[in-house]
Amino acid sequence: MAHSVLVCLASLWLVSNFLSLPSPALAISSCGGSCQTLNDCSGQLICINGKCNDDPDVGTHTCGGGSSPTTPSPPSSSSSTPAILTNNNFEKGGDGGGPSECDGKYHDNSERIVALSTRWYNNGSRCGKMIKITAPNGKTTSAKVVDECDKADGCRNNIVDGSDGVWDALGLDTDIGEVHVTWSMS
C-alpha cells in the first residue's frame, strides 16, 4: 500500500513538473528573455547573445526606459521602428519579381501593401497583418504585409517596400526613391 502511494505521488510530481515546462514551439520572449532564434523574440525584438533585445541596426526602443532582464517590459504594439520606405511594383511584370510570398498572388499597385525586410517578415509571421507607417511629413497610413523584401535579392535589413498606394496615401513622390519613415504593428 505504501509503495503504491509513493508511486502515485512520484507520478503526480513528474506530470506537474512536465506540464510546467514551457513549450519550445510556443515560447515567445520579451525584453531580456532567453532566445535561440529570431522567432523566439516577440514583436520587433531580435535575439542577441541568447537574450531578446532592441535591434541596434534600426534603433528600436522597446526595451529602453530602465527595464532590465529581470524586469522585462511587456511587448508594445505602439512602439515605432525607424525604417527606409522604398517603392515596389507588386503587379505581374513589376519590379517585385514573382508573386507575393504570403499568398502567391500579384497585387494591384494601388493597394496599400508592403514587403518587409527578411528579419521583420519573420518567416511569414506578419503575413496578412496590418502595419502603420508614418512619413516625415506627419502623414500616416496602414498597409497590409504581403511579401518579403529578401536580403538575398539585395534588400537591406531596414526596408519597408511599399506599393504606389502606400506612397500616395503618405503624400510622397515615388521619384524620391527612399524616405525615412517609422512603422509599427496596427
C-alpha atoms as a PDB file:
ATOM      1  CA  MET A   1       0.000   0.000   0.000  1.00  0.00           C
ATOM      2  CA  ALA A   2       2.731   2.470   0.967  1.00  0.00           C
ATOM      3  CA  HIS A   3       4.605   1.555  -2.206  1.00  0.00           C
ATOM      4  CA  SER A   4       1.600   2.352  -4.443  1.00  0.00           C
ATOM      5  CA  VAL A   5       1.072   5.702  -2.657  1.00  0.00           C
ATOM      6  CA  LEU A   6       4.735   6.603  -3.280  1.00  0.00           C
ATOM      7  CA  VAL A   7       4.450   5.600  -6.942  1.00  0.00           C
ATOM      8  CA  CYS A   8       1.285   7.682  -7.282  1.00  0.00           C
ATOM      9  CA  LEU A   9       2.895  10.741  -5.644  1.00  0.00           C
ATOM     10  CA  ALA A  10       6.023  10.396  -7.767  1.00  0.00           C
ATOM     11  CA  SER A  11       3.885  10.161 -10.915  1.00  0.00           C
ATOM     12  CA  LEU A  12       1.930  13.285  -9.950  1.00  0.00           C
ATOM     13  CA  TRP A  13       5.166  15.153  -9.273  1.00  0.00           C
ATOM     14  CA  LEU A  14       6.616  14.177 -12.674  1.00  0.00           C
ATOM     15  CA  VAL A  15       3.436  15.150 -14.540  1.00  0.00           C
ATOM     16  CA  SER A  16       3.124  18.505 -12.775  1.00  0.00           C
ATOM     17  CA  ASN A  17       6.777  19.356 -13.434  1.00  0.00           C
ATOM     18  CA  PHE A  18       6.476  18.322 -17.087  1.00  0.00           C
ATOM     19  CA  LEU A  19       3.367  20.465 -17.580  1.00  0.00           C
ATOM     20  CA  SER A  20       5.046  23.488 -16.037  1.00  0.00           C
ATOM     21  CA  LEU A  21       7.857  23.435 -18.624  1.00  0.00           C
ATOM     22  CA  PRO A  22       7.470  25.993 -21.418  1.00  0.00           C
ATOM     23  CA  SER A  23       6.747  24.576 -24.837  1.00  0.00           C
ATOM     24  CA  PRO A  24       9.651  25.418 -27.164  1.00  0.00           C
ATOM     25  CA  ALA A  25       7.280  25.813 -30.107  1.00  0.00           C
ATOM     26  CA  LEU A  26       5.203  28.388 -28.260  1.00  0.00           C
ATOM     27  CA  ALA A  27       7.935  30.210 -26.348  1.00  0.00           C
ATOM     28  CA  ILE A  28       7.998  33.934 -27.131  1.00  0.00           C
ATOM     29  CA  SER A  29      10.260  36.103 -25.022  1.00  0.00           C
ATOM     30  CA  SER A  30      10.058  39.806 -24.363  1.00  0.00           C
ATOM     31  CA  CYS A  31      12.925  42.129 -23.429  1.00  0.00           C
ATOM     32  CA  GLY A  32      15.763  40.255 -21.751  1.00  0.00           C
ATOM     33  CA  GLY A  33      14.079  36.862 -22.187  1.00  0.00           C
ATOM     34  CA  SER A  34      16.136  33.920 -23.361  1.00  0.00           C
ATOM     35  CA  CYS A  35      16.185  33.037 -27.062  1.00  0.00           C
ATOM     36  CA  GLN A  36      17.987  30.992 -29.663  1.00  0.00           C
ATOM     37  CA  THR A  37      16.429  32.354 -32.866  1.00  0.00           C
ATOM     38  CA  LEU A  38      14.613  35.485 -34.048  1.00  0.00           C
ATOM     39  CA  ASN A  39      11.306  33.616 -33.768  1.00  0.00           C
ATOM     40  CA  ASP A  40      11.834  33.285 -30.011  1.00  0.00           C
ATOM     41  CA  CYS A  41      11.511  37.062 -29.518  1.00  0.00           C
ATOM     42  CA  SER A  42       8.241  38.978 -29.545  1.00  0.00           C
ATOM     43  CA  GLY A  43       7.369  41.979 -31.680  1.00  0.00           C
ATOM     44  CA  GLN A  44      10.285  43.831 -33.237  1.00  0.00           C
ATOM     45  CA  LEU A  45      12.928  42.398 -30.885  1.00  0.00           C
ATOM     46  CA  ILE A  46      15.895  40.353 -32.072  1.00  0.00           C
ATOM     47  CA  CYS A  47      17.953  37.630 -30.407  1.00  0.00           C
ATOM     48  CA  ILE A  48      21.402  38.905 -29.379  1.00  0.00           C
ATOM     49  CA  ASN A  49      23.738  36.614 -27.423  1.00  0.00           C
ATOM     50  CA  GLY A  50      20.830  34.467 -26.233  1.00  0.00           C
ATOM     51  CA  LYS A  51      18.677  37.394 -24.990  1.00  0.00           C
ATOM     52  CA  CYS A  52      15.794  39.234 -26.701  1.00  0.00           C
ATOM     53  CA  ASN A  53      16.704  42.876 -27.119  1.00  0.00           C
ATOM     54  CA  ASP A  54      16.234  46.024 -29.202  1.00  0.00           C
ATOM     55  CA  ASP A  55      17.665  45.923 -32.713  1.00  0.00           C
ATOM     56  CA  PRO A  56      20.752  48.187 -32.698  1.00  0.00           C
ATOM     57  CA  ASP A  57      20.792  48.341 -36.517  1.00  0.00           C
ATOM     58  CA  VAL A  58      17.424  50.084 -36.699  1.00  0.00           C
ATOM     59  CA  GLY A  59      17.225  51.731 -33.287  1.00  0.00           C
ATOM     60  CA  THR A  60      14.133  50.121 -31.792  1.00  0.00           C
ATOM     61  CA  HIS A  61      13.465  51.221 -28.215  1.00  0.00           C
ATOM     62  CA  THR A  62      11.039  48.588 -26.945  1.00  0.00           C
ATOM     63  CA  CYS A  63      13.396  47.544 -24.140  1.00  0.00           C
ATOM     64  CA  GLY A  64      14.586  51.071 -23.277  1.00  0.00           C
ATOM     65  CA  GLY A  65      13.456  53.206 -20.400  1.00  0.00           C
ATOM     66  CA  GLY A  66      15.076  51.488 -17.465  1.00  0.00           C
ATOM     67  CA  SER A  67      13.902  47.947 -17.998  1.00  0.00           C
ATOM     68  CA  SER A  68      16.288  45.149 -17.236  1.00  0.00           C
ATOM     69  CA  PRO A  69      16.459  41.447 -17.999  1.00  0.00           C
ATOM     70  CA  THR A  70      14.988  40.693 -14.575  1.00  0.00           C
ATOM     71  CA  THR A  71      12.031  43.041 -15.069  1.00  0.00           C
ATOM     72  CA  PRO A  72      11.240  42.931 -18.783  1.00  0.00           C
ATOM     73  CA  SER A  73       8.912  45.444 -20.361  1.00  0.00           C
ATOM     74  CA  PRO A  74       5.769  43.968 -21.863  1.00  0.00           C
ATOM     75  CA  PRO A  75       5.787  43.851 -25.669  1.00  0.00           C
ATOM     76  CA  SER A  76       4.363  47.054 -27.064  1.00  0.00           C
ATOM     77  CA  SER A  77       2.354  47.259 -30.278  1.00  0.00           C
ATOM     78  CA  SER A  78       2.650  51.035 -30.156  1.00  0.00           C
ATOM     79  CA  SER A  79       6.444  51.302 -30.382  1.00  0.00           C
ATOM     80  CA  SER A  80       7.647  52.625 -33.718  1.00  0.00           C
ATOM     81  CA  THR A  81      10.639  51.320 -35.603  1.00  0.00           C
ATOM     82  CA  PRO A  82      12.727  53.508 -37.918  1.00  0.00           C
ATOM     83  CA  ALA A  83      12.914  52.200 -41.488  1.00  0.00           C
ATOM     84  CA  ILE A  84      13.539  53.252 -45.057  1.00  0.00           C
ATOM     85  CA  LEU A  85      10.489  53.259 -47.321  1.00  0.00           C
ATOM     86  CA  THR A  86      11.258  52.136 -50.870  1.00  0.00           C
ATOM     87  CA  ASN A  87       8.882  51.657 -53.784  1.00  0.00           C
ATOM     88  CA  ASN A  88       7.861  48.276 -55.192  1.00  0.00           C
ATOM     89  CA  ASN A  89       5.549  47.258 -58.012  1.00  0.00           C
ATOM     90  CA  PHE A  90       3.600  44.188 -56.869  1.00  0.00           C
ATOM     91  CA  GLU A  91       1.872  43.682 -60.247  1.00  0.00           C
ATOM     92  CA  LYS A  92       2.731  40.880 -62.687  1.00  0.00           C
ATOM     93  CA  GLY A  93       5.784  42.034 -64.630  1.00  0.00           C
ATOM     94  CA  GLY A  94       6.599  44.665 -61.972  1.00  0.00           C
ATOM     95  CA  ASP A  95       9.942  45.070 -60.214  1.00  0.00           C
ATOM     96  CA  GLY A  96       8.722  42.893 -57.341  1.00  0.00           C
ATOM     97  CA  GLY A  97       9.656  39.804 -59.331  1.00  0.00           C
ATOM     98  CA  GLY A  98       7.340  36.872 -58.734  1.00  0.00           C
ATOM     99  CA  PRO A  99       4.061  36.685 -56.865  1.00  0.00           C
ATOM    100  CA  SER A 100       3.910  37.730 -53.210  1.00  0.00           C
ATOM    101  CA  GLU A 101       5.307  35.277 -50.657  1.00  0.00           C
ATOM    102  CA  CYS A 102       2.299  35.475 -48.350  1.00  0.00           C
ATOM    103  CA  ASP A 103      -0.451  34.481 -50.756  1.00  0.00           C
ATOM    104  CA  GLY A 104       1.259  33.526 -54.022  1.00  0.00           C
ATOM    105  CA  LYS A 105      -0.603  36.309 -55.858  1.00  0.00           C
ATOM    106  CA  TYR A 106       0.215  39.500 -57.698  1.00  0.00           C
ATOM    107  CA  HIS A 107      -1.416  42.672 -56.360  1.00  0.00           C
ATOM    108  CA  ASP A 108      -2.712  45.887 -57.873  1.00  0.00           C
ATOM    109  CA  ASN A 109      -0.173  48.612 -57.222  1.00  0.00           C
ATOM    110  CA  SER A 110      -2.905  50.968 -55.968  1.00  0.00           C
ATOM    111  CA  GLU A 111      -3.461  48.697 -52.938  1.00  0.00           C
ATOM    112  CA  ARG A 112      -1.757  49.786 -49.716  1.00  0.00           C
ATOM    113  CA  ILE A 113       0.599  46.809 -49.375  1.00  0.00           C
ATOM    114  CA  VAL A 114       4.219  46.251 -48.342  1.00  0.00           C
ATOM    115  CA  ALA A 115       7.086  43.808 -48.348  1.00  0.00           C
ATOM    116  CA  LEU A 116       9.166  43.786 -45.161  1.00  0.00           C
ATOM    117  CA  SER A 117      12.897  43.098 -44.803  1.00  0.00           C
ATOM    118  CA  THR A 118      13.691  39.451 -44.125  1.00  0.00           C
ATOM    119  CA  ARG A 119      14.064  39.814 -40.345  1.00  0.00           C
ATOM    120  CA  TRP A 120      10.860  41.856 -39.963  1.00  0.00           C
ATOM    121  CA  TYR A 121       8.999  39.497 -42.305  1.00  0.00           C
ATOM    122  CA  ASN A 122       9.996  36.886 -39.719  1.00  0.00           C
ATOM    123  CA  ASN A 123       9.390  33.723 -41.740  1.00  0.00           C
ATOM    124  CA  GLY A 124       5.950  34.937 -42.770  1.00  0.00           C
ATOM    125  CA  SER A 125       4.668  35.561 -39.242  1.00  0.00           C
ATOM    126  CA  ARG A 126       3.496  39.038 -40.292  1.00  0.00           C
ATOM    127  CA  CYS A 127       1.739  37.883 -43.496  1.00  0.00           C
ATOM    128  CA  GLY A 128      -1.688  39.466 -43.851  1.00  0.00           C
ATOM    129  CA  LYS A 129      -1.164  41.711 -40.831  1.00  0.00           C
ATOM    130  CA  MET A 130      -1.546  45.469 -40.974  1.00  0.00           C
ATOM    131  CA  ILE A 131       1.254  47.876 -40.150  1.00  0.00           C
ATOM    132  CA  LYS A 132       1.094  51.622 -39.587  1.00  0.00           C
ATOM    133  CA  ILE A 133       3.617  53.753 -41.476  1.00  0.00           C
ATOM    134  CA  THR A 134       4.389  57.381 -40.575  1.00  0.00           C
ATOM    135  CA  ALA A 135       6.211  59.679 -43.013  1.00  0.00           C
ATOM    136  CA  PRO A 136       8.342  62.726 -42.102  1.00  0.00           C
ATOM    137  CA  ASN A 137       5.508  64.995 -43.342  1.00  0.00           C
ATOM    138  CA  GLY A 138       3.356  63.661 -40.462  1.00  0.00           C
ATOM    139  CA  LYS A 139       1.009  61.654 -42.681  1.00  0.00           C
ATOM    140  CA  THR A 140       0.185  58.109 -41.600  1.00  0.00           C
ATOM    141  CA  THR A 141      -1.296  55.145 -43.420  1.00  0.00           C
ATOM    142  CA  SER A 142      -1.906  51.487 -42.786  1.00  0.00           C
ATOM    143  CA  ALA A 143      -0.691  48.773 -45.152  1.00  0.00           C
ATOM    144  CA  LYS A 144      -1.018  45.011 -45.387  1.00  0.00           C
ATOM    145  CA  VAL A 145       2.114  42.820 -45.317  1.00  0.00           C
ATOM    146  CA  VAL A 146       2.040  40.613 -48.427  1.00  0.00           C
ATOM    147  CA  ASP A 147       5.687  39.867 -49.195  1.00  0.00           C
ATOM    148  CA  GLU A 148       9.286  39.617 -48.059  1.00  0.00           C
ATOM    149  CA  CYS A 149      11.899  42.077 -49.244  1.00  0.00           C
ATOM    150  CA  ASP A 150      14.558  39.379 -49.368  1.00  0.00           C
ATOM    151  CA  LYS A 151      18.111  40.090 -48.247  1.00  0.00           C
ATOM    152  CA  ALA A 152      19.298  37.545 -50.838  1.00  0.00           C
ATOM    153  CA  ASP A 153      17.872  39.810 -53.548  1.00  0.00           C
ATOM    154  CA  GLY A 154      19.742  42.873 -52.265  1.00  0.00           C
ATOM    155  CA  CYS A 155      17.162  44.231 -49.821  1.00  0.00           C
ATOM    156  CA  ARG A 156      18.773  45.861 -46.784  1.00  0.00           C
ATOM    157  CA  ASN A 157      17.617  44.858 -43.303  1.00  0.00           C
ATOM    158  CA  ASN A 158      15.671  48.054 -42.541  1.00  0.00           C
ATOM    159  CA  ILE A 159      13.337  48.289 -45.538  1.00  0.00           C
ATOM    160  CA  VAL A 160       9.584  48.698 -45.808  1.00  0.00           C
ATOM    161  CA  ASP A 161       8.995  48.236 -49.537  1.00  0.00           C
ATOM    162  CA  GLY A 162       5.688  49.957 -50.308  1.00  0.00           C
ATOM    163  CA  SER A 163       3.350  49.999 -53.290  1.00  0.00           C
ATOM    164  CA  ASP A 164       2.350  53.168 -55.124  1.00  0.00           C
ATOM    165  CA  GLY A 165      -0.811  53.072 -52.980  1.00  0.00           C
ATOM    166  CA  VAL A 166       1.282  53.434 -49.807  1.00  0.00           C
ATOM    167  CA  TRP A 167       3.344  56.283 -51.273  1.00  0.00           C
ATOM    168  CA  ASP A 168       0.181  58.060 -52.469  1.00  0.00           C
ATOM    169  CA  ALA A 169      -1.529  57.698 -49.072  1.00  0.00           C
ATOM    170  CA  LEU A 170       1.541  59.247 -47.430  1.00  0.00           C
ATOM    171  CA  GLY A 171       1.611  62.106 -49.941  1.00  0.00           C
ATOM    172  CA  LEU A 172       5.086  61.120 -51.156  1.00  0.00           C
ATOM    173  CA  ASP A 173       6.602  61.225 -54.630  1.00  0.00           C
ATOM    174  CA  THR A 174       7.920  57.811 -55.728  1.00  0.00           C
ATOM    175  CA  ASP A 175      10.665  59.576 -57.727  1.00  0.00           C
ATOM    176  CA  ILE A 176      12.372  60.359 -54.391  1.00  0.00           C
ATOM    177  CA  GLY A 177      13.244  56.648 -54.193  1.00  0.00           C
ATOM    178  CA  GLU A 178      13.820  56.352 -50.437  1.00  0.00           C
ATOM    179  CA  VAL A 179      12.233  58.077 -47.464  1.00  0.00           C
ATOM    180  CA  HIS A 180      12.989  57.633 -43.761  1.00  0.00           C
ATOM    181  CA  VAL A 181       9.766  56.546 -42.009  1.00  0.00           C
ATOM    182  CA  THR A 182       8.693  54.764 -38.857  1.00  0.00           C
ATOM    183  CA  TRP A 183       6.405  51.747 -38.688  1.00  0.00           C
ATOM    184  CA  SER A 184       4.592  49.707 -36.077  1.00  0.00           C
ATOM    185  CA  MET A 185       2.032  46.943 -35.968  1.00  0.00           C
ATOM    186  CA  SER A 186      -1.517  48.309 -36.342  1.00  0.00           C
END
